N, C-alpha and C. Protein backbone atom coordinates (compact mmCIF):
# COMPACT_ATOMS: atom_id res chain seq x y z
N UNK A 1 0.95 -1.13 0.25
CA UNK A 1 0.03 -0.06 0.04
C UNK A 1 0.89 1.21 -0.05
N UNK A 2 0.59 2.18 -1.05
CA UNK A 2 1.27 3.29 -0.83
C UNK A 2 0.74 4.82 -0.08
N UNK A 3 0.99 5.32 0.75
CA UNK A 3 0.66 6.28 1.73
C UNK A 3 1.35 7.79 1.69
N UNK A 4 0.49 8.75 1.54
CA UNK A 4 1.08 9.79 1.74
C UNK A 4 0.21 10.36 2.83
N UNK A 5 1.26 11.32 3.64
CA UNK A 5 0.73 11.86 5.01
C UNK A 5 1.13 13.33 4.53
N UNK A 6 -0.55 13.95 5.20
CA UNK A 6 -0.33 15.41 5.24
C UNK A 6 -0.35 15.88 6.34
N UNK A 7 0.77 16.65 6.91
CA UNK A 7 0.41 16.88 8.34
C UNK A 7 1.23 17.87 8.51
N UNK A 8 1.09 18.99 9.31
CA UNK A 8 2.18 19.92 9.64
C UNK A 8 2.78 20.37 10.78
N UNK A 9 2.05 19.49 11.53
CA UNK A 9 3.14 18.96 13.04
C UNK A 9 4.16 17.78 12.38
N UNK A 10 5.40 18.43 12.56
CA UNK A 10 6.51 17.39 12.07
C UNK A 10 6.03 15.83 13.35
N UNK A 11 6.29 16.13 14.40
CA UNK A 11 6.68 14.78 15.72
C UNK A 11 5.12 14.12 15.49
N UNK A 12 3.69 14.97 15.24
CA UNK A 12 2.44 14.02 14.90
C UNK A 12 3.10 13.33 13.38
N UNK A 13 3.47 14.09 12.44
CA UNK A 13 3.52 13.08 11.09
C UNK A 13 4.71 12.04 11.54
N UNK A 14 5.53 12.21 12.19
CA UNK A 14 6.45 10.80 12.46
C UNK A 14 5.98 10.13 12.98
N UNK A 15 5.04 10.57 14.02
CA UNK A 15 4.05 9.21 15.20
C UNK A 15 3.60 8.45 14.12
N UNK A 16 2.86 9.38 13.23
CA UNK A 16 1.76 8.54 12.51
C UNK A 16 2.19 7.51 11.57
N UNK A 17 3.14 8.10 10.75
CA UNK A 17 4.45 7.44 9.93
C UNK A 17 4.73 5.88 10.41
N UNK A 18 5.42 6.30 11.81
CA UNK A 18 6.10 4.84 12.53
C UNK A 18 4.89 3.90 13.02
N UNK A 19 3.11 4.57 13.24
CA UNK A 19 2.42 3.88 13.66
C UNK A 19 2.12 2.95 12.46
N UNK A 20 2.01 3.54 11.26
CA UNK A 20 1.32 2.96 10.28
C UNK A 20 2.47 1.74 9.77
N UNK A 21 3.59 2.29 9.74
CA UNK A 21 4.64 0.86 9.37
C UNK A 21 4.58 -0.07 10.26
N UNK A 22 4.73 0.24 11.79
CA UNK A 22 4.43 -0.70 12.35
C UNK A 22 3.10 -1.91 12.39
N UNK A 23 2.02 -1.41 12.14
CA UNK A 23 1.00 -2.03 11.58
C UNK A 23 0.71 -2.90 10.28
N UNK A 24 1.54 -1.97 9.06
CA UNK A 24 1.37 -2.58 8.16
C UNK A 24 2.91 -2.56 7.28
N UNK A 25 3.64 -3.24 7.75
CA UNK A 25 4.61 -3.16 7.56
C UNK A 25 5.20 -3.23 6.09
N UNK A 26 4.40 -3.53 5.04
CA UNK A 26 4.60 -3.71 3.58
C UNK A 26 3.79 -2.20 2.88
N UNK A 27 3.35 -1.58 3.79
CA UNK A 27 3.34 -0.06 3.43
C UNK A 27 4.54 0.53 3.04
N UNK A 28 4.33 1.50 2.05
CA UNK A 28 5.42 2.47 1.61
C UNK A 28 4.97 4.16 2.06
N UNK A 29 5.71 4.44 3.11
CA UNK A 29 4.93 6.17 2.75
C UNK A 29 5.86 6.85 1.91
N UNK A 30 5.09 7.15 1.21
CA UNK A 30 5.54 7.69 -0.24
C UNK A 30 6.18 9.44 -0.06
N UNK A 31 5.36 10.17 0.66
CA UNK A 31 5.66 11.39 1.14
C UNK A 31 5.17 11.77 2.48
N UNK A 32 5.86 12.79 3.19
CA UNK A 32 5.12 13.66 4.47
C UNK A 32 5.13 15.07 3.78
N UNK A 33 3.97 15.30 3.75
CA UNK A 33 3.70 17.07 2.99
C UNK A 33 3.43 17.55 4.12
N UNK A 34 3.72 19.00 4.44
CA UNK A 34 3.35 19.85 5.45
C UNK A 34 2.47 21.35 5.33
N UNK A 35 2.32 21.36 4.21
CA UNK A 35 1.60 22.29 3.68
C UNK A 35 0.60 22.15 2.09
N UNK A 36 -0.32 23.10 2.28
CA UNK A 36 -1.54 23.26 1.38
C UNK A 36 -0.31 23.06 -0.10
N UNK A 37 0.21 24.04 0.02
CA UNK A 37 0.89 24.68 -1.49
C UNK A 37 1.76 23.26 -1.57
N UNK A 38 2.61 22.85 -0.90
CA UNK A 38 3.11 21.62 -0.76
C UNK A 38 2.72 20.11 -1.69
N UNK A 39 1.44 20.03 -0.78
CA UNK A 39 0.25 18.69 -0.88
C UNK A 39 -0.01 19.14 -2.67
N UNK A 40 -0.50 20.22 -2.90
CA UNK A 40 -1.03 20.37 -4.27
C UNK A 40 -0.24 20.28 -5.38
N UNK A 41 1.29 20.35 -5.08
CA UNK A 41 2.28 20.53 -5.92
C UNK A 41 2.43 19.00 -6.35
N UNK A 42 2.76 18.13 -5.06
CA UNK A 42 3.00 16.75 -5.00
C UNK A 42 1.94 15.89 -5.63
N UNK A 43 1.08 16.55 -5.28
CA UNK A 43 -0.64 15.42 -5.74
C UNK A 43 -0.56 15.74 -7.38
N UNK A 44 -0.32 16.72 -7.91
CA UNK A 44 -0.61 17.38 -9.04
C UNK A 44 0.26 16.83 -10.22
N UNK A 45 1.70 15.84 -9.67
CA UNK A 45 2.43 14.97 -10.08
C UNK A 45 2.73 13.51 -9.80
N UNK A 46 1.87 13.06 -8.67
CA UNK A 46 1.94 11.75 -8.35
C UNK A 46 0.93 11.28 -8.13
N UNK A 47 0.34 10.08 -9.03
CA UNK A 47 -1.03 9.63 -8.83
C UNK A 47 -0.80 8.31 -8.44
N UNK A 48 0.35 7.76 -7.97
CA UNK A 48 0.10 6.24 -7.81
C UNK A 48 0.20 6.04 -6.18
N UNK A 49 -0.88 6.79 -5.67
CA UNK A 49 -1.22 6.68 -3.88
C UNK A 49 -2.07 5.64 -4.15
N UNK A 50 -2.32 5.23 -2.92
CA UNK A 50 -3.97 4.27 -2.41
C UNK A 50 -4.59 4.92 -1.74
N UNK A 51 -3.80 5.79 -0.94
CA UNK A 51 -4.52 5.92 0.41
C UNK A 51 -3.78 7.40 1.00
N UNK A 52 -4.13 8.67 1.40
CA UNK A 52 -4.23 9.77 1.77
C UNK A 52 -4.15 9.69 3.48
N UNK A 53 -3.83 10.08 4.21
CA UNK A 53 -3.89 10.72 5.85
C UNK A 53 -3.66 11.85 5.57
N UNK A 54 -4.39 12.65 6.14
CA UNK A 54 -4.22 14.01 6.14
C UNK A 54 -5.03 14.66 7.78
N UNK A 55 -4.29 15.42 7.96
CA UNK A 55 -4.82 16.59 8.69
C UNK A 55 -5.53 17.81 8.02
N UNK A 56 -6.52 18.07 8.80
CA UNK A 56 -7.48 19.06 8.22
C UNK A 56 -6.96 20.79 8.33
N UNK A 57 -6.85 21.21 9.21
CA UNK A 57 -6.01 22.67 9.33
C UNK A 57 -4.38 22.34 9.49
N UNK A 58 -4.33 23.01 8.24
CA UNK A 58 -2.60 23.22 8.04
C UNK A 58 -1.92 24.76 8.27
N UNK A 59 -0.80 24.84 8.13
CA UNK A 59 -0.29 26.34 8.52
C UNK A 59 -0.62 27.17 7.47
N UNK A 60 -1.44 27.01 6.12
CA UNK A 60 -1.53 27.55 4.97
C UNK A 60 -3.00 27.61 4.52
N UNK A 61 -3.85 26.89 5.23
CA UNK A 61 -5.07 26.63 4.96
C UNK A 61 -5.62 25.31 5.35
N UNK A 62 -6.87 25.11 4.76
CA UNK A 62 -7.64 23.72 5.10
C UNK A 62 -7.08 22.74 3.62
N UNK A 63 -7.07 21.63 4.27
CA UNK A 63 -6.70 20.35 3.33
C UNK A 63 -7.65 20.24 2.27
N UNK A 64 -8.98 20.64 2.71
CA UNK A 64 -10.12 20.57 1.52
C UNK A 64 -9.49 21.10 0.32
N UNK A 65 -9.06 22.50 0.71
CA UNK A 65 -8.16 22.97 -0.98
C UNK A 65 -7.12 22.17 -1.57
N UNK A 66 -6.90 21.37 -1.34
CA UNK A 66 -5.65 20.66 -1.70
C UNK A 66 -6.59 19.73 -2.83
N UNK A 67 -7.59 18.91 -1.74
CA UNK A 67 -8.18 17.95 -2.63
C UNK A 67 -9.16 18.65 -3.61
N UNK A 68 -9.33 19.83 -3.44
CA UNK A 68 -10.29 20.69 -4.75
C UNK A 68 -9.64 21.10 -5.63
N UNK A 69 -8.35 21.64 -5.33
CA UNK A 69 -7.25 22.05 -6.36
C UNK A 69 -6.97 20.98 -7.20
N UNK A 70 -6.64 19.84 -6.57
CA UNK A 70 -6.30 18.46 -7.69
C UNK A 70 -7.00 17.59 -8.26
N UNK A 71 -8.61 18.06 -7.89
CA UNK A 71 -9.25 17.14 -8.24
C UNK A 71 -9.16 15.83 -7.90
N UNK A 72 -8.89 15.42 -6.39
CA UNK A 72 -8.55 14.49 -5.65
C UNK A 72 -9.45 13.28 -6.02
N UNK A 73 -9.09 12.13 -6.36
CA UNK A 73 -10.08 11.00 -6.18
C UNK A 73 -9.28 9.79 -5.36
N UNK A 74 -8.24 10.28 -4.91
CA UNK A 74 -7.68 8.88 -3.88
C UNK A 74 -8.35 8.96 -2.43
N UNK A 75 -8.73 7.91 -1.81
CA UNK A 75 -9.14 7.65 -0.57
C UNK A 75 -8.79 8.48 0.36
N UNK A 76 -8.93 9.50 1.11
CA UNK A 76 -8.74 10.03 2.22
C UNK A 76 -9.07 9.42 3.81
N UNK A 77 -8.09 9.64 4.57
CA UNK A 77 -8.45 9.44 5.95
C UNK A 77 -7.94 10.42 6.76
N UNK A 78 -8.89 11.33 7.36
CA UNK A 78 -8.47 12.90 8.06
C UNK A 78 -8.43 12.42 9.27
N UNK A 79 -7.30 12.82 9.47
CA UNK A 79 -6.56 12.72 11.00
C UNK A 79 -6.49 14.35 11.68
N UNK A 80 -7.70 14.85 12.58
CA UNK A 80 -7.47 16.14 13.05
C UNK A 80 -7.88 16.34 14.77
N UNK A 81 -7.93 17.09 15.42
CA UNK A 81 -8.27 17.46 16.47
C UNK A 81 -9.57 17.90 16.55
N UNK A 82 -10.38 18.21 15.46
CA UNK A 82 -11.70 19.09 15.55
C UNK A 82 -12.73 17.96 14.88
N UNK A 83 -13.78 18.18 15.26
CA UNK A 83 -14.87 17.22 14.92
C UNK A 83 -15.77 17.94 14.06
N UNK A 84 -15.45 19.66 13.72
CA UNK A 84 -16.33 20.35 13.16
C UNK A 84 -16.33 20.05 11.77
N UNK A 85 -15.39 19.43 11.38
CA UNK A 85 -15.22 19.17 9.76
C UNK A 85 -15.92 18.18 9.61
N UNK A 86 -16.55 16.84 9.99
CA UNK A 86 -16.83 15.71 9.74
C UNK A 86 -17.57 15.94 8.44
N UNK A 87 -18.65 16.58 8.56
CA UNK A 87 -19.21 16.50 7.52
C UNK A 87 -18.84 16.59 6.15
N UNK A 88 -17.93 17.85 5.96
CA UNK A 88 -17.17 18.40 4.75
C UNK A 88 -16.23 17.36 4.69
N UNK A 89 -15.50 16.73 5.51
CA UNK A 89 -14.89 15.82 5.25
C UNK A 89 -15.32 14.44 4.16
N UNK A 90 -16.46 14.06 4.86
CA UNK A 90 -17.31 13.13 3.41
C UNK A 90 -17.98 13.56 2.05
N UNK A 91 -17.64 15.01 2.15
CA UNK A 91 -18.28 15.17 1.03
C UNK A 91 -17.08 15.50 0.24
N UNK A 92 -15.87 15.21 0.56
CA UNK A 92 -14.98 14.94 -0.36
C UNK A 92 -14.64 13.50 -0.73
N UNK A 93 -13.51 12.95 -0.80
CA UNK A 93 -13.13 11.68 -0.54
C UNK A 93 -12.54 11.22 0.48
N UNK A 94 -13.21 11.70 1.72
CA UNK A 94 -12.81 11.21 2.68
C UNK A 94 -13.41 9.71 2.95
N UNK A 95 -12.83 8.74 3.62
CA UNK A 95 -13.16 7.41 4.08
C UNK A 95 -13.44 7.07 5.29
N UNK A 96 -12.57 8.03 5.97
CA UNK A 96 -12.76 7.78 7.71
C UNK A 96 -11.85 9.05 8.21
N UNK A 97 -12.54 9.14 9.61
CA UNK A 97 -12.38 10.63 10.15
C UNK A 97 -11.44 10.16 11.91
N UNK A 98 -10.40 10.69 11.68
CA UNK A 98 -9.62 9.85 13.37
C UNK A 98 -9.48 11.17 13.84
N UNK A 99 -9.66 11.44 15.57
CA UNK A 99 -9.69 12.28 16.26
C UNK A 99 -8.45 12.14 16.70
N UNK A 100 -7.85 13.18 16.94
CA UNK A 100 -6.25 13.28 17.71
C UNK A 100 -6.58 13.32 18.96
N UNK A 101 -5.80 12.81 20.11
CA UNK A 101 -4.50 11.95 19.31
C UNK A 101 -5.14 10.77 18.81
N UNK A 102 -4.55 10.19 17.90
CA UNK A 102 -5.03 8.79 17.43
C UNK A 102 -4.02 7.56 18.30
N UNK A 103 -4.55 6.54 18.23
CA UNK A 103 -4.02 5.41 18.86
C UNK A 103 -3.47 4.19 17.74
N UNK A 104 -2.76 3.48 18.38
CA UNK A 104 -2.31 2.35 17.10
C UNK A 104 -3.88 1.70 16.69
N UNK A 105 -4.63 1.43 17.86
CA UNK A 105 -5.92 0.54 17.48
C UNK A 105 -6.89 1.52 16.50
N UNK A 106 -7.09 2.89 16.55
CA UNK A 106 -7.73 4.03 15.68
C UNK A 106 -7.17 3.73 14.42
N UNK A 107 -6.00 3.87 14.13
CA UNK A 107 -5.18 3.59 13.26
C UNK A 107 -5.10 2.29 12.60
N UNK A 108 -5.53 1.16 13.11
CA UNK A 108 -5.55 -0.24 12.27
C UNK A 108 -6.86 -0.10 11.87
N UNK A 109 -8.21 0.18 12.29
CA UNK A 109 -9.01 0.46 12.07
C UNK A 109 -9.27 0.94 10.38
């Protein structure tokens, strides 16, 4: 499984990457992206992704902008500290909504 993580907090991104790798040793973390701008650039040129784990509130905007600008069709698992965005997340290609702090059990689902 090829995975991209979009998360502006570096420690959280590393923790999520480590958790995914522990749960799915064959998973390949293709990229960790830290901003809307960086994610739009990456997703515009890379389509070989199976799933995206994405925070919603990033330093330069909301991740929904990424998926709108790239016309994303890759499934997204949103990982956020806020439950305010759940409905909007499922209007995109959101397939799950994990509230931070996430656990190994919540990620494994």
